[in-house]
PDB file of N, CA and C in Angstrom:
ATOM      1  N   MET A   1      86.674 107.193 112.675  1.00  0.00           N
ATOM      2  CA  MET A   1      86.490 106.202 111.630  1.00  0.00           C
ATOM      3  C   MET A   1      86.624 104.781 112.171  1.00  0.00           C
ATOM      4  N   ASP A   2      86.632 104.607 113.452  1.00  0.00           N
ATOM      5  CA  ASP A   2      86.775 103.270 114.002  1.00  0.00           C
ATOM      6  C   ASP A   2      85.572 102.392 113.711  1.00  0.00           C
ATOM      7  N   ASP A   3      84.435 102.982 113.368  1.00  0.00           N
ATOM      8  CA  ASP A   3      83.242 102.194 113.102  1.00  0.00           C
ATOM      9  C   ASP A   3      82.982 102.011 111.603  1.00  0.00           C
ATOM     10  N   ALA A   4      83.965 102.303 110.771  1.00  0.00           N
ATOM     11  CA  ALA A   4      83.803 102.146 109.319  1.00  0.00           C
ATOM     12  C   ALA A   4      83.631 100.672 108.973  1.00  0.00           C
ATOM     13  N   ASP A   5      82.789 100.401 107.989  1.00  0.00           N
ATOM     14  CA  ASP A   5      82.523  99.032 107.562  1.00  0.00           C
ATOM     15  C   ASP A   5      83.574  98.489 106.610  1.00  0.00           C
ATOM     16  N   THR A   6      84.367  99.352 106.038  1.00  0.00           N
ATOM     17  CA  THR A   6      85.386  98.912 105.085  1.00  0.00           C
ATOM     18  C   THR A   6      86.695  99.641 105.363  1.00  0.00           C
ATOM     19  N   ASP A   7      87.768  99.018 104.959  1.00  0.00           N
ATOM     20  CA  ASP A   7      89.071  99.652 105.120  1.00  0.00           C
ATOM     21  C   ASP A   7      89.230 100.771 104.104  1.00  0.00           C
ATOM     22  N   PRO A   8      89.986 101.803 104.452  1.00  0.00           N
ATOM     23  CA  PRO A   8      90.125 102.957 103.561  1.00  0.00           C
ATOM     24  C   PRO A   8      91.132 102.744 102.431  1.00  0.00           C
ATOM     25  N   LEU A   9      90.947 103.524 101.397  1.00  0.00           N
ATOM     26  CA  LEU A   9      91.867 103.605 100.274  1.00  0.00           C
ATOM     27  C   LEU A   9      92.504 104.987 100.318  1.00  0.00           C
ATOM     28  N   LEU A  10      93.827 105.025 100.307  1.00  0.00           N
ATOM     29  CA  LEU A  10      94.560 106.293 100.291  1.00  0.00           C
ATOM     30  C   LEU A  10      95.369 106.339  98.997  1.00  0.00           C
ATOM     31  N   LEU A  11      95.020 107.269  98.130  1.00  0.00           N
ATOM     32  CA  LEU A  11      95.726 107.463  96.867  1.00  0.00           C
ATOM     33  C   LEU A  11      96.655 108.657  97.050  1.00  0.00           C
ATOM     34  N   HIS A  12      97.913 108.475  96.675  1.00  0.00           N
ATOM     35  CA  HIS A  12      98.893 109.526  96.936  1.00  0.00           C
ATOM     36  C   HIS A  12      99.800 109.756  95.737  1.00  0.00           C
ATOM     37  N   GLY A  13      99.824 110.989  95.252  1.00  0.00           N
ATOM     38  CA  GLY A  13     100.778 111.387  94.224  1.00  0.00           C
ATOM     39  C   GLY A  13     102.115 111.682  94.884  1.00  0.00           C
ATOM     40  N   LEU A  14     103.145 111.006  94.463  1.00  0.00           N
ATOM     41  CA  LEU A  14     104.447 111.134  95.114  1.00  0.00           C
ATOM     42  C   LEU A  14     105.044 112.535  95.002  1.00  0.00           C
ATOM     43  N   ASP A  15     104.567 113.337  94.047  1.00  0.00           N
ATOM     44  CA  ASP A  15     105.048 114.707  93.902  1.00  0.00           C
ATOM     45  C   ASP A  15     104.080 115.732  94.502  1.00  0.00           C
ATOM     46  N   SER A  16     103.195 115.280  95.387  1.00  0.00           N
ATOM     47  CA  SER A  16     102.211 116.175  95.998  1.00  0.00           C
ATOM     48  C   SER A  16     102.898 117.275  96.801  1.00  0.00           C
ATOM     49  N   PHE A  17     102.450 118.506  96.599  1.00  0.00           N
ATOM     50  CA  PHE A  17     102.949 119.638  97.372  1.00  0.00           C
ATOM     51  C   PHE A  17     102.138 119.816  98.659  1.00  0.00           C
ATOM     52  N   VAL A  18     101.059 119.065  98.810  1.00  0.00           N
ATOM     53  CA  VAL A  18     100.178 119.183  99.967  1.00  0.00           C
ATOM     54  C   VAL A  18     100.466 118.100 101.010  1.00  0.00           C
ATOM     55  N   LEU A  19     100.654 116.874 100.533  1.00  0.00           N
ATOM     56  CA  LEU A  19     100.834 115.736 101.435  1.00  0.00           C
ATOM     57  C   LEU A  19     102.177 115.064 101.149  1.00  0.00           C
ATOM     58  N   PRO A  20     103.147 115.267 102.016  1.00  0.00           N
ATOM     59  CA  PRO A  20     104.443 114.616 101.818  1.00  0.00           C
ATOM     60  C   PRO A  20     104.308 113.094 101.876  1.00  0.00           C
ATOM     61  N   THR A  21     105.157 112.417 101.131  1.00  0.00           N
ATOM     62  CA  THR A  21     105.111 110.960 101.057  1.00  0.00           C
ATOM     63  C   THR A  21     105.241 110.326 102.437  1.00  0.00           C
ATOM     64  N   ALA A  22     106.142 110.819 103.239  1.00  0.00           N
ATOM     65  CA  ALA A  22     106.324 110.255 104.584  1.00  0.00           C
ATOM     66  C   ALA A  22     105.034 110.350 105.404  1.00  0.00           C
ATOM     67  N   MET A  23     104.303 111.442 105.243  1.00  0.00           N
ATOM     68  CA  MET A  23     103.064 111.608 105.989  1.00  0.00           C
ATOM     69  C   MET A  23     101.978 110.668 105.464  1.00  0.00           C
ATOM     70  N   ALA A  24     101.897 110.500 104.150  1.00  0.00           N
ATOM     71  CA  ALA A  24     100.924 109.569 103.580  1.00  0.00           C
ATOM     72  C   ALA A  24     101.187 108.151 104.074  1.00  0.00           C
ATOM     73  N   ARG A  25     102.435 107.769 104.096  1.00  0.00           N
ATOM     74  CA  ARG A  25     102.790 106.428 104.579  1.00  0.00           C
ATOM     75  C   ARG A  25     102.491 106.275 106.067  1.00  0.00           C
ATOM     76  N   GLU A  26     102.719 107.333 106.820  1.00  0.00           N
ATOM     77  CA  GLU A  26     102.400 107.301 108.252  1.00  0.00           C
ATOM     78  C   GLU A  26     100.891 107.210 108.465  1.00  0.00           C
ATOM     79  N   MET A  27     100.116 107.930 107.661  1.00  0.00           N
ATOM     80  CA  MET A  27      98.659 107.843 107.750  1.00  0.00           C
ATOM     81  C   MET A  27      98.197 106.418 107.512  1.00  0.00           C
ATOM     82  N   ALA A  28      98.744 105.774 106.495  1.00  0.00           N
ATOM     83  CA  ALA A  28      98.374 104.389 106.186  1.00  0.00           C
ATOM     84  C   ALA A  28      98.812 103.452 107.311  1.00  0.00           C
ATOM     85  N   ARG A  29      99.983 103.691 107.861  1.00  0.00           N
ATOM     86  CA  ARG A  29     100.479 102.840 108.942  1.00  0.00           C
ATOM     87  C   ARG A  29      99.596 102.946 110.185  1.00  0.00           C
ATOM     88  N   ARG A  30      99.112 104.145 110.456  1.00  0.00           N
ATOM     89  CA  ARG A  30      98.298 104.363 111.661  1.00  0.00           C
ATOM     90  C   ARG A  30      96.884 103.819 111.537  1.00  0.00           C
ATOM     91  N   ARG A  31      96.460 103.572 110.328  1.00  0.00           N
ATOM     92  CA  ARG A  31      95.109 103.041 110.111  1.00  0.00           C
ATOM     93  C   ARG A  31      95.242 101.641 109.524  1.00  0.00           C
ATOM     94  N   PRO A  32      95.282 100.617 110.370  1.00  0.00           N
ATOM     95  CA  PRO A  32      95.434  99.246 109.863  1.00  0.00           C
ATOM     96  C   PRO A  32      94.376  98.917 108.818  1.00  0.00           C
ATOM     97  N   GLY A  33      94.793  98.197 107.805  1.00  0.00           N
ATOM     98  CA  GLY A  33      93.878  97.812 106.733  1.00  0.00           C
ATOM     99  C   GLY A  33      93.826  98.803 105.586  1.00  0.00           C
ATOM    100  N   THR A  34      94.499  99.945 105.735  1.00  0.00           N
ATOM    101  CA  THR A  34      94.501 100.953 104.679  1.00  0.00           C
ATOM    102  C   THR A  34      95.269 100.442 103.470  1.00  0.00           C
ATOM    103  N   THR A  35      94.687 100.626 102.309  1.00  0.00           N
ATOM    104  CA  THR A  35      95.371 100.364 101.055  1.00  0.00           C
ATOM    105  C   THR A  35      95.976 101.678 100.589  1.00  0.00           C
ATOM    106  N   LEU A  36      97.295 101.720 100.507  1.00  0.00           N
ATOM    107  CA  LEU A  36      97.990 102.916 100.028  1.00  0.00           C
ATOM    108  C   LEU A  36      98.462 102.660  98.616  1.00  0.00           C
ATOM    109  N   ARG A  37      97.994 103.473  97.681  1.00  0.00           N
ATOM    110  CA  ARG A  37      98.458 103.403  96.296  1.00  0.00           C
ATOM    111  C   ARG A  37      99.216 104.680  96.004  1.00  0.00           C
ATOM    112  N   GLU A  38     100.458 104.523  95.615  1.00  0.00           N
ATOM    113  CA  GLU A  38     101.311 105.669  95.314  1.00  0.00           C
ATOM    114  C   GLU A  38     101.463 105.825  93.806  1.00  0.00           C
ATOM    115  N   PHE A  39     101.436 107.064  93.362  1.00  0.00           N
ATOM    116  CA  PHE A  39     101.492 107.387  91.946  1.00  0.00           C
ATOM    117  C   PHE A  39     102.742 108.215  91.646  1.00  0.00           C
ATOM    118  N   PRO A  40     103.784 107.572  91.103  1.00  0.00           N
ATOM    119  CA  PRO A  40     104.996 108.312  90.734  1.00  0.00           C
ATOM    120  C   PRO A  40     104.698 109.332  89.637  1.00  0.00           C
ATOM    121  N   GLY A  41     105.339 110.480  89.730  1.00  0.00           N
ATOM    122  CA  GLY A  41     105.174 111.505  88.712  1.00  0.00           C
ATOM    123  C   GLY A  41     103.880 112.285  88.809  1.00  0.00           C
ATOM    124  N   CYS A  42     103.093 112.035  89.855  1.00  0.00           N
ATOM    125  CA  CYS A  42     101.828 112.744  90.030  1.00  0.00           C
ATOM    126  C   CYS A  42     101.906 113.653  91.247  1.00  0.00           C
ATOM    127  N   GLY A  43     101.200 114.768  91.151  1.00  0.00           N
ATOM    128  CA  GLY A  43     101.110 115.685  92.266  1.00  0.00           C
ATOM    129  C   GLY A  43      99.870 115.412  93.090  1.00  0.00           C
ATOM    130  N   HIS A  44      99.401 116.436  93.779  1.00  0.00           N
ATOM    131  CA  HIS A  44      98.236 116.299  94.654  1.00  0.00           C
ATOM    132  C   HIS A  44      96.964 116.007  93.856  1.00  0.00           C
ATOM    133  N   TRP A  45      96.879 116.519  92.659  1.00  0.00           N
ATOM    134  CA  TRP A  45      95.677 116.332  91.835  1.00  0.00           C
ATOM    135  C   TRP A  45      95.900 115.142  90.907  1.00  0.00           C
ATOM    136  N   LEU A  46      96.156 113.980  91.485  1.00  0.00           N
ATOM    137  CA  LEU A  46      96.529 112.825  90.673  1.00  0.00           C
ATOM    138  C   LEU A  46      95.417 112.384  89.730  1.00  0.00           C
ATOM    139  N   HIS A  47      94.180 112.707  90.025  1.00  0.00           N
ATOM    140  CA  HIS A  47      93.096 112.389  89.093  1.00  0.00           C
ATOM    141  C   HIS A  47      93.239 113.181  87.790  1.00  0.00           C
ATOM    142  N   ASP A  48      93.921 114.333  87.847  1.00  0.00           N
ATOM    143  CA  ASP A  48      94.227 115.098  86.633  1.00  0.00           C
ATOM    144  C   ASP A  48      95.534 114.621  86.001  1.00  0.00           C
ATOM    145  N   ASP A  49      96.506 114.296  86.854  1.00  0.00           N
ATOM    146  CA  ASP A  49      97.825 113.890  86.356  1.00  0.00           C
ATOM    147  C   ASP A  49      97.806 112.503  85.723  1.00  0.00           C
ATOM    148  N   ASP A  50      96.997 111.608  86.256  1.00  0.00           N
ATOM    149  CA  ASP A  50      96.921 110.236  85.743  1.00  0.00           C
ATOM    150  C   ASP A  50      95.489 109.727  85.869  1.00  0.00           C
ATOM    151  N   PRO A  51      94.578 110.242  85.038  1.00  0.00           N
ATOM    152  CA  PRO A  51      93.172 109.860  85.179  1.00  0.00           C
ATOM    153  C   PRO A  51      92.930 108.358  85.008  1.00  0.00           C
ATOM    154  N   ALA A  52      93.637 107.734  84.090  1.00  0.00           N
ATOM    155  CA  ALA A  52      93.448 106.292  83.875  1.00  0.00           C
ATOM    156  C   ALA A  52      93.941 105.495  85.080  1.00  0.00           C
ATOM    157  N   GLY A  53      95.095 105.867  85.619  1.00  0.00           N
ATOM    158  CA  GLY A  53      95.622 105.188  86.803  1.00  0.00           C
ATOM    159  C   GLY A  53      94.738 105.395  88.018  1.00  0.00           C
ATOM    160  N   PHE A  54      94.245 106.614  88.166  1.00  0.00           N
ATOM    161  CA  PHE A  54      93.326 106.930  89.267  1.00  0.00           C
ATOM    162  C   PHE A  54      92.072 106.073  89.172  1.00  0.00           C
ATOM    163  N   ALA A  55      91.460 106.053  87.988  1.00  0.00           N
ATOM    164  CA  ALA A  55      90.237 105.275  87.787  1.00  0.00           C
ATOM    165  C   ALA A  55      90.483 103.786  88.013  1.00  0.00           C
ATOM    166  N   ALA A  56      91.610 103.288  87.545  1.00  0.00           N
ATOM    167  CA  ALA A  56      91.933 101.865  87.720  1.00  0.00           C
ATOM    168  C   ALA A  56      92.104 101.525  89.199  1.00  0.00           C
ATOM    169  N   ALA A  57      92.768 102.395  89.947  1.00  0.00           N
ATOM    170  CA  ALA A  57      92.974 102.137  91.377  1.00  0.00           C
ATOM    171  C   ALA A  57      91.645 102.119  92.133  1.00  0.00           C
ATOM    172  N   VAL A  58      90.776 103.068  91.824  1.00  0.00           N
ATOM    173  CA  VAL A  58      89.469 103.123  92.479  1.00  0.00           C
ATOM    174  C   VAL A  58      88.633 101.916  92.076  1.00  0.00           C
ATOM    175  N   ARG A  59      88.634 101.598  90.788  1.00  0.00           N
ATOM    176  CA  ARG A  59      87.869 100.449  90.292  1.00  0.00           C
ATOM    177  C   ARG A  59      88.339  99.153  90.961  1.00  0.00           C
ATOM    178  N   GLU A  60      89.645  98.970  91.033  1.00  0.00           N
ATOM    179  CA  GLU A  60      90.220  97.776  91.647  1.00  0.00           C
ATOM    180  C   GLU A  60      89.816  97.679  93.129  1.00  0.00           C
ATOM    181  N   PHE A  61      89.885  98.791  93.831  1.00  0.00           N
ATOM    182  CA  PHE A  61      89.517  98.827  95.236  1.00  0.00           C
ATOM    183  C   PHE A  61      88.044  98.479  95.424  1.00  0.00           C
ATOM    184  N   LEU A  62      87.172  99.109  94.621  1.00  0.00           N
ATOM    185  CA  LEU A  62      85.739  98.867  94.765  1.00  0.00           C
ATOM    186  C   LEU A  62      85.345  97.456  94.358  1.00  0.00           C
ATOM    187  N   THR A  63      86.009  96.915  93.366  1.00  0.00           N
ATOM    188  CA  THR A  63      85.722  95.552  92.918  1.00  0.00           C
ATOM    189  C   THR A  63      86.050  94.544  94.008  1.00  0.00           C
ATOM    190  N   ALA A  64      87.077  94.841  94.790  1.00  0.00           N
ATOM    191  CA  ALA A  64      87.512  93.921  95.842  1.00  0.00           C
ATOM    192  C   ALA A  64      86.605  93.962  97.084  1.00  0.00           C
ATOM    193  N   LEU A  65      85.699  94.928  97.158  1.00  0.00           N
ATOM    194  CA  LEU A  65      84.833  95.025  98.340  1.00  0.00           C
ATOM    195  C   LEU A  65      83.817  93.897  98.385  1.00  0.00           C
TER     196      LEU A  65
END
């Protein structure tokens, strides 16, 4: 992904059983420019757990491009 034209967005549900919070934060740290949005009370399927928050985060990210 070194040739990507835009910085990545990483959305993370803090209660995810798939991706531990420490690993999500490490992923963001290793990829400079990454926007990490954390969702308290959400699991791995945060688009189901918080559809409005998910949509707002994506919308905000895309609007800023």
